[in-house]
PDB file of all heavy atoms in Angstrom:
ATOM      1  N   ALA A   1     -18.348 -93.908  29.394  1.00  0.00           N
ATOM      2  CA  ALA A   1     -19.282 -94.373  30.459  1.00  0.00           C
ATOM      3  C   ALA A   1     -20.448 -93.431  30.631  1.00  0.00           C
ATOM      4  O   ALA A   1     -21.306 -93.689  31.465  1.00  0.00           O
ATOM      5  CB  ALA A   1     -18.528 -94.581  31.735  1.00  0.00           C
ATOM      6  N   SER A   2     -20.475 -92.330  29.903  1.00  0.00           N
ATOM      7  CA  SER A   2     -21.457 -91.298  30.133  1.00  0.00           C
ATOM      8  C   SER A   2     -22.409 -91.131  28.940  1.00  0.00           C
ATOM      9  O   SER A   2     -22.096 -91.499  27.793  1.00  0.00           O
ATOM     10  CB  SER A   2     -20.758 -89.919  30.354  1.00  0.00           C
ATOM     11  OG  SER A   2     -19.830 -90.029  31.406  1.00  0.00           O
ATOM     12  N   THR A   3     -23.565 -90.540  29.200  1.00  0.00           N
ATOM     13  CA  THR A   3     -24.477 -90.179  28.140  1.00  0.00           C
ATOM     14  C   THR A   3     -23.860 -89.005  27.331  1.00  0.00           C
ATOM     15  O   THR A   3     -22.969 -88.296  27.798  1.00  0.00           O
ATOM     16  CB  THR A   3     -25.831 -89.757  28.649  1.00  0.00           C
ATOM     17  OG1 THR A   3     -25.678 -88.552  29.475  1.00  0.00           O
ATOM     18  CG2 THR A   3     -26.509 -90.836  29.465  1.00  0.00           C
ATOM     19  N   LYS A   4     -24.333 -88.786  26.134  1.00  0.00           N
ATOM     20  CA  LYS A   4     -23.850 -87.704  25.307  1.00  0.00           C
ATOM     21  C   LYS A   4     -24.100 -86.388  25.954  1.00  0.00           C
ATOM     22  O   LYS A   4     -23.233 -85.447  25.983  1.00  0.00           O
ATOM     23  CB  LYS A   4     -24.524 -87.723  23.957  1.00  0.00           C
ATOM     24  CG  LYS A   4     -24.010 -86.646  22.989  1.00  0.00           C
ATOM     25  CD  LYS A   4     -24.704 -86.712  21.639  1.00  0.00           C
ATOM     26  CE  LYS A   4     -24.215 -85.564  20.754  1.00  0.00           C
ATOM     27  NZ  LYS A   4     -24.882 -85.597  19.410  1.00  0.00           N
ATOM     28  N   GLU A   5     -25.255 -86.199  26.577  1.00  0.00           N
ATOM     29  CA  GLU A   5     -25.637 -84.963  27.226  1.00  0.00           C
ATOM     30  C   GLU A   5     -24.687 -84.662  28.386  1.00  0.00           C
ATOM     31  O   GLU A   5     -24.260 -83.481  28.596  1.00  0.00           O
ATOM     32  CB  GLU A   5     -27.096 -84.962  27.768  1.00  0.00           C
ATOM     33  CG  GLU A   5     -28.150 -85.021  26.683  1.00  0.00           C
ATOM     34  CD  GLU A   5     -28.296 -86.372  26.010  1.00  0.00           C
ATOM     35  OE1 GLU A   5     -27.759 -87.377  26.525  1.00  0.00           O
ATOM     36  OE2 GLU A   5     -28.917 -86.434  24.925  1.00  0.00           O
ATOM     37  N   MET A   6     -24.305 -85.678  29.148  1.00  0.00           N
ATOM     38  CA  MET A   6     -23.414 -85.456  30.267  1.00  0.00           C
ATOM     39  C   MET A   6     -22.010 -85.128  29.759  1.00  0.00           C
ATOM     40  O   MET A   6     -21.340 -84.277  30.293  1.00  0.00           O
ATOM     41  CB  MET A   6     -23.345 -86.700  31.142  1.00  0.00           C
ATOM     42  CG  MET A   6     -22.207 -86.721  32.093  1.00  0.00           C
ATOM     43  SD  MET A   6     -22.653 -86.954  33.793  1.00  0.00           S
ATOM     44  CE  MET A   6     -20.999 -87.122  34.495  1.00  0.00           C
ATOM     45  N   SER A   7     -21.566 -85.815  28.737  1.00  0.00           N
ATOM     46  CA  SER A   7     -20.221 -85.600  28.196  1.00  0.00           C
ATOM     47  C   SER A   7     -20.056 -84.185  27.670  1.00  0.00           C
ATOM     48  O   SER A   7     -18.995 -83.678  27.675  1.00  0.00           O
ATOM     49  CB  SER A   7     -19.936 -86.612  27.083  1.00  0.00           C
ATOM     50  OG  SER A   7     -19.932 -87.912  27.575  1.00  0.00           O
ATOM     51  N   GLU A   8     -21.174 -83.586  27.252  1.00  0.00           N
ATOM     52  CA  GLU A   8     -21.060 -82.262  26.670  1.00  0.00           C
ATOM     53  C   GLU A   8     -21.550 -81.176  27.644  1.00  0.00           C
ATOM     54  O   GLU A   8     -21.522 -79.989  27.315  1.00  0.00           O
ATOM     55  CB  GLU A   8     -21.901 -82.176  25.369  1.00  0.00           C
ATOM     56  CG  GLU A   8     -21.412 -83.117  24.285  1.00  0.00           C
ATOM     57  CD  GLU A   8     -22.338 -83.104  23.077  1.00  0.00           C
ATOM     58  OE1 GLU A   8     -23.446 -82.548  23.152  1.00  0.00           O
ATOM     59  OE2 GLU A   8     -21.975 -83.685  22.031  1.00  0.00           O
ATOM     60  N   GLY A   9     -21.983 -81.604  28.852  1.00  0.00           N
ATOM     61  CA  GLY A   9     -22.603 -80.657  29.795  1.00  0.00           C
ATOM     62  C   GLY A   9     -21.642 -80.158  30.864  1.00  0.00           C
ATOM     63  O   GLY A   9     -20.438 -80.398  30.860  1.00  0.00           O
ATOM     64  N   MET A  10     -22.199 -79.440  31.862  1.00  0.00           N
ATOM     65  CA  MET A  10     -21.434 -78.761  32.869  1.00  0.00           C
ATOM     66  C   MET A  10     -20.784 -79.746  33.823  1.00  0.00           C
ATOM     67  O   MET A  10     -19.734 -79.458  34.388  1.00  0.00           O
ATOM     68  CB  MET A  10     -22.354 -77.827  33.666  1.00  0.00           C
ATOM     69  CG  MET A  10     -22.788 -76.604  32.875  1.00  0.00           C
ATOM     70  SD  MET A  10     -21.402 -75.543  32.393  1.00  0.00           S
ATOM     71  CE  MET A  10     -20.982 -74.808  33.949  1.00  0.00           C
ATOM     72  N   VAL A  11     -21.406 -80.901  34.089  1.00  0.00           N
ATOM     73  CA  VAL A  11     -20.850 -81.861  35.046  1.00  0.00           C
ATOM     74  C   VAL A  11     -19.493 -82.380  34.497  1.00  0.00           C
ATOM     75  O   VAL A  11     -18.492 -82.369  35.206  1.00  0.00           O
ATOM     76  CB  VAL A  11     -21.814 -83.042  35.287  1.00  0.00           C
ATOM     77  CG1 VAL A  11     -21.179 -84.079  36.163  1.00  0.00           C
ATOM     78  CG2 VAL A  11     -23.076 -82.518  35.980  1.00  0.00           C
ATOM     79  N   ASN A  12     -19.477 -82.807  33.283  1.00  0.00           N
ATOM     80  CA  ASN A  12     -18.241 -83.297  32.700  1.00  0.00           C
ATOM     81  C   ASN A  12     -17.255 -82.152  32.541  1.00  0.00           C
ATOM     82  O   ASN A  12     -16.041 -82.366  32.639  1.00  0.00           O
ATOM     83  CB  ASN A  12     -18.486 -84.007  31.393  1.00  0.00           C
ATOM     84  CG  ASN A  12     -17.362 -84.953  31.007  1.00  0.00           C
ATOM     85  OD1 ASN A  12     -16.931 -85.780  31.853  1.00  0.00           O
ATOM     86  ND2 ASN A  12     -16.833 -84.892  29.807  1.00  0.00           N
ATOM     87  N   ALA A  13     -17.736 -80.977  32.293  1.00  0.00           N
ATOM     88  CA  ALA A  13     -16.813 -79.827  32.165  1.00  0.00           C
ATOM     89  C   ALA A  13     -16.075 -79.572  33.466  1.00  0.00           C
ATOM     90  O   ALA A  13     -14.934 -79.095  33.453  1.00  0.00           O
ATOM     91  CB  ALA A  13     -17.642 -78.588  31.765  1.00  0.00           C
ATOM     92  N   TYR A  14     -16.726 -79.867  34.616  1.00  0.00           N
ATOM     93  CA  TYR A  14     -16.037 -79.705  35.906  1.00  0.00           C
ATOM     94  C   TYR A  14     -14.815 -80.607  35.951  1.00  0.00           C
ATOM     95  O   TYR A  14     -13.701 -80.116  36.322  1.00  0.00           O
ATOM     96  CB  TYR A  14     -17.025 -80.124  37.010  1.00  0.00           C
ATOM     97  CG  TYR A  14     -16.342 -80.441  38.328  1.00  0.00           C
ATOM     98  CD1 TYR A  14     -15.984 -79.399  39.202  1.00  0.00           C
ATOM     99  CD2 TYR A  14     -16.126 -81.756  38.739  1.00  0.00           C
ATOM    100  CE1 TYR A  14     -15.368 -79.700  40.404  1.00  0.00           C
ATOM    101  CE2 TYR A  14     -15.539 -82.045  39.939  1.00  0.00           C
ATOM    102  CZ  TYR A  14     -15.167 -81.047  40.780  1.00  0.00           C
ATOM    103  OH  TYR A  14     -14.579 -81.308  41.987  1.00  0.00           O
ATOM    104  N   PHE A  15     -14.934 -81.849  35.591  1.00  0.00           N
ATOM    105  CA  PHE A  15     -13.822 -82.784  35.582  1.00  0.00           C
ATOM    106  C   PHE A  15     -12.739 -82.366  34.581  1.00  0.00           C
ATOM    107  O   PHE A  15     -11.527 -82.418  34.873  1.00  0.00           O
ATOM    108  CB  PHE A  15     -14.238 -84.214  35.331  1.00  0.00           C
ATOM    109  CG  PHE A  15     -15.172 -84.750  36.405  1.00  0.00           C
ATOM    110  CD1 PHE A  15     -16.506 -84.822  36.226  1.00  0.00           C
ATOM    111  CD2 PHE A  15     -14.618 -85.194  37.619  1.00  0.00           C
ATOM    112  CE1 PHE A  15     -17.367 -85.346  37.244  1.00  0.00           C
ATOM    113  CE2 PHE A  15     -15.421 -85.674  38.625  1.00  0.00           C
ATOM    114  CZ  PHE A  15     -16.804 -85.784  38.418  1.00  0.00           C
ATOM    115  N   ARG A  16     -13.164 -81.901  33.427  1.00  0.00           N
ATOM    116  CA  ARG A  16     -12.195 -81.530  32.411  1.00  0.00           C
ATOM    117  C   ARG A  16     -11.411 -80.311  32.814  1.00  0.00           C
ATOM    118  O   ARG A  16     -10.189 -80.261  32.680  1.00  0.00           O
ATOM    119  CB  ARG A  16     -12.909 -81.217  31.057  1.00  0.00           C
ATOM    120  CG  ARG A  16     -13.437 -82.467  30.399  1.00  0.00           C
ATOM    121  CD  ARG A  16     -14.103 -82.111  29.042  1.00  0.00           C
ATOM    122  NE  ARG A  16     -14.616 -83.325  28.409  1.00  0.00           N
ATOM    123  CZ  ARG A  16     -13.873 -84.172  27.654  1.00  0.00           C
ATOM    124  NH1 ARG A  16     -12.601 -83.890  27.512  1.00  0.00           N
ATOM    125  NH2 ARG A  16     -14.434 -85.220  27.132  1.00  0.00           N
ATOM    126  N   SER A  17     -12.110 -79.284  33.341  1.00  0.00           N
ATOM    127  CA  SER A  17     -11.377 -78.051  33.692  1.00  0.00           C
ATOM    128  C   SER A  17     -10.490 -78.248  34.939  1.00  0.00           C
ATOM    129  O   SER A  17      -9.450 -77.671  35.092  1.00  0.00           O
ATOM    130  CB  SER A  17     -12.395 -76.908  33.942  1.00  0.00           C
ATOM    131  OG  SER A  17     -13.419 -77.254  34.827  1.00  0.00           O
ATOM    132  N   PHE A  18     -10.927 -79.206  35.840  1.00  0.00           N
ATOM    133  CA  PHE A  18     -10.091 -79.554  36.986  1.00  0.00           C
ATOM    134  C   PHE A  18      -8.747 -80.144  36.461  1.00  0.00           C
ATOM    135  O   PHE A  18      -7.697 -79.784  36.933  1.00  0.00           O
ATOM    136  CB  PHE A  18     -10.847 -80.575  37.851  1.00  0.00           C
ATOM    137  CG  PHE A  18     -10.178 -80.914  39.166  1.00  0.00           C
ATOM    138  CD1 PHE A  18     -10.659 -80.351  40.328  1.00  0.00           C
ATOM    139  CD2 PHE A  18      -9.121 -81.789  39.226  1.00  0.00           C
ATOM    140  CE1 PHE A  18     -10.055 -80.674  41.570  1.00  0.00           C
ATOM    141  CE2 PHE A  18      -8.503 -82.105  40.451  1.00  0.00           C
ATOM    142  CZ  PHE A  18      -9.027 -81.538  41.600  1.00  0.00           C
ATOM    143  N   LEU A  19      -8.881 -81.073  35.521  1.00  0.00           N
ATOM    144  CA  LEU A  19      -7.674 -81.712  34.962  1.00  0.00           C
ATOM    145  C   LEU A  19      -6.807 -80.686  34.227  1.00  0.00           C
ATOM    146  O   LEU A  19      -5.584 -80.791  34.236  1.00  0.00           O
ATOM    147  CB  LEU A  19      -8.036 -82.865  34.074  1.00  0.00           C
ATOM    148  CG  LEU A  19      -6.943 -83.767  33.589  1.00  0.00           C
ATOM    149  CD1 LEU A  19      -6.130 -84.311  34.762  1.00  0.00           C
ATOM    150  CD2 LEU A  19      -7.486 -84.933  32.750  1.00  0.00           C
ATOM    151  N   ASN A  20      -7.462 -79.687  33.592  1.00  0.00           N
ATOM    152  CA  ASN A  20      -6.666 -78.681  32.881  1.00  0.00           C
ATOM    153  C   ASN A  20      -5.776 -77.898  33.867  1.00  0.00           C
ATOM    154  O   ASN A  20      -4.653 -77.514  33.525  1.00  0.00           O
ATOM    155  CB  ASN A  20      -7.615 -77.711  32.155  1.00  0.00           C
ATOM    156  CG  ASN A  20      -8.180 -78.325  30.895  1.00  0.00           C
ATOM    157  OD1 ASN A  20      -7.655 -79.275  30.378  1.00  0.00           O
ATOM    158  ND2 ASN A  20      -9.266 -77.779  30.454  1.00  0.00           N
ATOM    159  N   SER A  21      -6.294 -77.609  35.048  1.00  0.00           N
ATOM    160  CA  SER A  21      -5.467 -76.905  36.059  1.00  0.00           C
ATOM    161  C   SER A  21      -4.267 -77.753  36.486  1.00  0.00           C
ATOM    162  O   SER A  21      -3.155 -77.242  36.646  1.00  0.00           O
ATOM    163  CB  SER A  21      -6.337 -76.563  37.284  1.00  0.00           C
ATOM    164  OG  SER A  21      -7.159 -75.488  37.040  1.00  0.00           O
ATOM    165  N   LEU A  22      -4.504 -79.085  36.643  1.00  0.00           N
ATOM    166  CA  LEU A  22      -3.417 -79.954  37.015  1.00  0.00           C
ATOM    167  C   LEU A  22      -2.345 -80.012  35.847  1.00  0.00           C
ATOM    168  O   LEU A  22      -1.158 -80.076  36.126  1.00  0.00           O
ATOM    169  CB  LEU A  22      -3.892 -81.354  37.295  1.00  0.00           C
ATOM    170  CG  LEU A  22      -4.932 -81.474  38.449  1.00  0.00           C
ATOM    171  CD1 LEU A  22      -5.199 -82.931  38.758  1.00  0.00           C
ATOM    172  CD2 LEU A  22      -4.431 -80.729  39.713  1.00  0.00           C
ATOM    173  N   GLU A  23      -2.830 -80.046  34.625  1.00  0.00           N
ATOM    174  CA  GLU A  23      -1.933 -80.070  33.505  1.00  0.00           C
ATOM    175  C   GLU A  23      -1.058 -78.802  33.463  1.00  0.00           C
ATOM    176  O   GLU A  23       0.112 -78.805  33.151  1.00  0.00           O
ATOM    177  CB  GLU A  23      -2.704 -80.224  32.172  1.00  0.00           C
ATOM    178  CG  GLU A  23      -3.263 -81.603  31.991  1.00  0.00           C
ATOM    179  CD  GLU A  23      -2.206 -82.634  31.660  1.00  0.00           C
ATOM    180  OE1 GLU A  23      -1.021 -82.331  31.551  1.00  0.00           O
ATOM    181  OE2 GLU A  23      -2.566 -83.848  31.547  1.00  0.00           O
ATOM    182  N   SER A  24      -1.707 -77.652  33.766  1.00  0.00           N
ATOM    183  CA  SER A  24      -0.990 -76.360  33.758  1.00  0.00           C
ATOM    184  C   SER A  24       0.116 -76.385  34.834  1.00  0.00           C
ATOM    185  O   SER A  24       1.223 -75.908  34.628  1.00  0.00           O
ATOM    186  CB  SER A  24      -1.929 -75.193  33.998  1.00  0.00           C
ATOM    187  OG  SER A  24      -2.855 -75.090  32.948  1.00  0.00           O
ATOM    188  N   MET A  25      -0.228 -76.984  35.996  1.00  0.00           N
ATOM    189  CA  MET A  25       0.788 -77.080  37.083  1.00  0.00           C
ATOM    190  C   MET A  25       1.919 -77.993  36.692  1.00  0.00           C
ATOM    191  O   MET A  25       3.077 -77.670  36.972  1.00  0.00           O
ATOM    192  CB  MET A  25       0.054 -77.617  38.323  1.00  0.00           C
ATOM    193  CG  MET A  25       0.865 -77.513  39.599  1.00  0.00           C
ATOM    194  SD  MET A  25       1.115 -75.804  40.062  1.00  0.00           S
ATOM    195  CE  MET A  25       2.490 -75.979  41.200  1.00  0.00           C
ATOM    196  N   ARG A  26       1.638 -79.045  35.943  1.00  0.00           N
ATOM    197  CA  ARG A  26       2.704 -79.919  35.426  1.00  0.00           C
ATOM    198  C   ARG A  26       3.625 -79.115  34.465  1.00  0.00           C
ATOM    199  O   ARG A  26       4.861 -79.280  34.530  1.00  0.00           O
ATOM    200  CB  ARG A  26       2.078 -81.111  34.683  1.00  0.00           C
ATOM    201  CG  ARG A  26       1.383 -82.150  35.560  1.00  0.00           C
ATOM    202  CD  ARG A  26       0.843 -83.274  34.723  1.00  0.00           C
ATOM    203  NE  ARG A  26       1.913 -84.156  34.291  1.00  0.00           N
ATOM    204  CZ  ARG A  26       1.820 -84.909  33.169  1.00  0.00           C
ATOM    205  NH1 ARG A  26       0.718 -84.861  32.419  1.00  0.00           N
ATOM    206  NH2 ARG A  26       2.828 -85.688  32.826  1.00  0.00           N
ATOM    207  N   GLN A  27       3.002 -78.270  33.646  1.00  0.00           N
ATOM    208  CA  GLN A  27       3.833 -77.546  32.659  1.00  0.00           C
ATOM    209  C   GLN A  27       4.736 -76.518  33.374  1.00  0.00           C
ATOM    210  O   GLN A  27       5.868 -76.352  32.989  1.00  0.00           O
ATOM    211  CB  GLN A  27       2.924 -76.834  31.668  1.00  0.00           C
ATOM    212  CG  GLN A  27       2.173 -77.741  30.761  1.00  0.00           C
ATOM    213  CD  GLN A  27       1.242 -76.981  29.791  1.00  0.00           C
ATOM    214  OE1 GLN A  27       1.647 -76.073  29.092  1.00  0.00           O
ATOM    215  NE2 GLN A  27       0.007 -77.416  29.765  1.00  0.00           N
ATOM    216  N   ILE A  28       4.172 -75.878  34.443  1.00  0.00           N
ATOM    217  CA  ILE A  28       4.997 -74.915  35.184  1.00  0.00           C
ATOM    218  C   ILE A  28       6.165 -75.628  35.818  1.00  0.00           C
ATOM    219  O   ILE A  28       7.290 -75.127  35.815  1.00  0.00           O
ATOM    220  CB  ILE A  28       4.121 -74.175  36.237  1.00  0.00           C
ATOM    221  CG1 ILE A  28       3.255 -73.155  35.526  1.00  0.00           C
ATOM    222  CG2 ILE A  28       4.989 -73.564  37.294  1.00  0.00           C
ATOM    223  CD1 ILE A  28       2.293 -72.464  36.466  1.00  0.00           C
ATOM    224  N   THR A  29       5.904 -76.789  36.431  1.00  0.00           N
ATOM    225  CA  THR A  29       6.946 -77.554  37.038  1.00  0.00           C
ATOM    226  C   THR A  29       8.014 -77.978  36.052  1.00  0.00           C
ATOM    227  O   THR A  29       9.225 -77.893  36.314  1.00  0.00           O
ATOM    228  CB  THR A  29       6.369 -78.817  37.739  1.00  0.00           C
ATOM    229  OG1 THR A  29       5.380 -78.415  38.670  1.00  0.00           O
ATOM    230  CG2 THR A  29       7.426 -79.613  38.458  1.00  0.00           C
ATOM    231  N   ALA A  30       7.586 -78.395  34.886  1.00  0.00           N
ATOM    232  CA  ALA A  30       8.528 -78.852  33.857  1.00  0.00           C
ATOM    233  C   ALA A  30       9.381 -77.674  33.377  1.00  0.00           C
ATOM    234  O   ALA A  30      10.598 -77.840  33.197  1.00  0.00           O
ATOM    235  CB  ALA A  30       7.779 -79.424  32.637  1.00  0.00           C
ATOM    236  N   GLU A  31       8.775 -76.456  33.187  1.00  0.00           N
ATOM    237  CA  GLU A  31       9.544 -75.325  32.785  1.00  0.00           C
ATOM    238  C   GLU A  31      10.536 -74.912  33.859  1.00  0.00           C
ATOM    239  O   GLU A  31      11.679 -74.535  33.545  1.00  0.00           O
ATOM    240  CB  GLU A  31       8.596 -74.144  32.475  1.00  0.00           C
ATOM    241  CG  GLU A  31       7.811 -74.319  31.208  1.00  0.00           C
ATOM    242  CD  GLU A  31       6.895 -73.138  30.904  1.00  0.00           C
ATOM    243  OE1 GLU A  31       6.995 -72.116  31.631  1.00  0.00           O
ATOM    244  OE2 GLU A  31       6.124 -73.215  29.901  1.00  0.00           O
ATOM    245  N   ALA A  32      10.125 -74.958  35.108  1.00  0.00           N
ATOM    246  CA  ALA A  32      10.976 -74.552  36.226  1.00  0.00           C
ATOM    247  C   ALA A  32      12.182 -75.508  36.355  1.00  0.00           C
ATOM    248  O   ALA A  32      13.289 -75.062  36.693  1.00  0.00           O
ATOM    249  CB  ALA A  32      10.202 -74.492  37.529  1.00  0.00           C
ATOM    250  N   GLU A  33      11.987 -76.800  36.117  1.00  0.00           N
ATOM    251  CA  GLU A  33      13.020 -77.756  36.303  1.00  0.00           C
ATOM    252  C   GLU A  33      13.725 -78.085  35.015  1.00  0.00           C
ATOM    253  O   GLU A  33      14.738 -78.901  35.078  1.00  0.00           O
ATOM    254  CB  GLU A  33      12.423 -79.033  36.978  1.00  0.00           C
ATOM    255  CG  GLU A  33      11.830 -78.782  38.362  1.00  0.00           C
ATOM    256  CD  GLU A  33      11.347 -80.059  39.008  1.00  0.00           C
ATOM    257  OE1 GLU A  33      11.582 -81.156  38.460  1.00  0.00           O
ATOM    258  OE2 GLU A  33      10.708 -79.950  40.099  1.00  0.00           O
ATOM    259  N   GLY A  34      13.263 -77.556  33.898  1.00  0.00           N
ATOM    260  CA  GLY A  34      13.929 -77.842  32.614  1.00  0.00           C
ATOM    261  C   GLY A  34      13.852 -79.275  32.181  1.00  0.00           C
ATOM    262  O   GLY A  34      14.803 -79.875  31.626  1.00  0.00           O
ATOM    263  N   ILE A  35      12.682 -79.919  32.421  1.00  0.00           N
ATOM    264  CA  ILE A  35      12.511 -81.324  32.094  1.00  0.00           C
ATOM    265  C   ILE A  35      11.234 -81.465  31.253  1.00  0.00           C
ATOM    266  O   ILE A  35      10.357 -80.576  31.268  1.00  0.00           O
ATOM    267  CB  ILE A  35      12.394 -82.207  33.338  1.00  0.00           C
ATOM    268  CG1 ILE A  35      11.240 -81.742  34.267  1.00  0.00           C
ATOM    269  CG2 ILE A  35      13.701 -82.213  34.100  1.00  0.00           C
ATOM    270  CD1 ILE A  35      11.064 -82.640  35.477  1.00  0.00           C
ATOM    271  N   PRO A  36      11.063 -82.545  30.503  1.00  0.00           N
ATOM    272  CA  PRO A  36       9.826 -82.734  29.681  1.00  0.00           C
ATOM    273  C   PRO A  36       8.605 -82.879  30.602  1.00  0.00           C
ATOM    274  O   PRO A  36       8.652 -83.423  31.695  1.00  0.00           O
ATOM    275  CB  PRO A  36      10.103 -84.083  28.980  1.00  0.00           C
ATOM    276  CG  PRO A  36      11.592 -84.279  29.066  1.00  0.00           C
ATOM    277  CD  PRO A  36      12.035 -83.632  30.317  1.00  0.00           C
ATOM    278  N   VAL A  37       7.480 -82.383  30.086  1.00  0.00           N
ATOM    279  CA  VAL A  37       6.214 -82.442  30.830  1.00  0.00           C
ATOM    280  C   VAL A  37       5.859 -83.921  31.125  1.00  0.00           C
ATOM    281  O   VAL A  37       5.338 -84.251  32.223  1.00  0.00           O
ATOM    282  CB  VAL A  37       5.071 -81.752  30.061  1.00  0.00           C
ATOM    283  CG1 VAL A  37       3.781 -81.932  30.784  1.00  0.00           C
ATOM    284  CG2 VAL A  37       5.386 -80.285  29.873  1.00  0.00           C
ATOM    285  N   ALA A  38       6.143 -84.774  30.202  1.00  0.00           N
ATOM    286  CA  ALA A  38       5.780 -86.185  30.327  1.00  0.00           C
ATOM    287  C   ALA A  38       6.422 -86.834  31.543  1.00  0.00           C
ATOM    288  O   ALA A  38       5.924 -87.819  32.092  1.00  0.00           O
ATOM    289  CB  ALA A  38       6.142 -86.956  29.062  1.00  0.00           C
ATOM    290  N   SER A  39       7.539 -86.287  32.011  1.00  0.00           N
ATOM    291  CA  SER A  39       8.265 -86.840  33.171  1.00  0.00           C
ATOM    292  C   SER A  39       7.786 -86.313  34.497  1.00  0.00           C
ATOM    293  O   SER A  39       8.258 -86.711  35.531  1.00  0.00           O
ATOM    294  CB  SER A  39       9.743 -86.668  33.011  1.00  0.00           C
ATOM    295  OG  SER A  39      10.069 -85.293  33.042  1.00  0.00           O
TER     296      SER A  39
END
């Protein structure tokens, strides 16, 4: 839904890095509970 410049720029990087933090939190939870990340 975005232009190429936006997809490669700082605005889209904000959303990507935000989601990366959430993914890391999911991984920590999965490791702590001994369950797959997908669950």
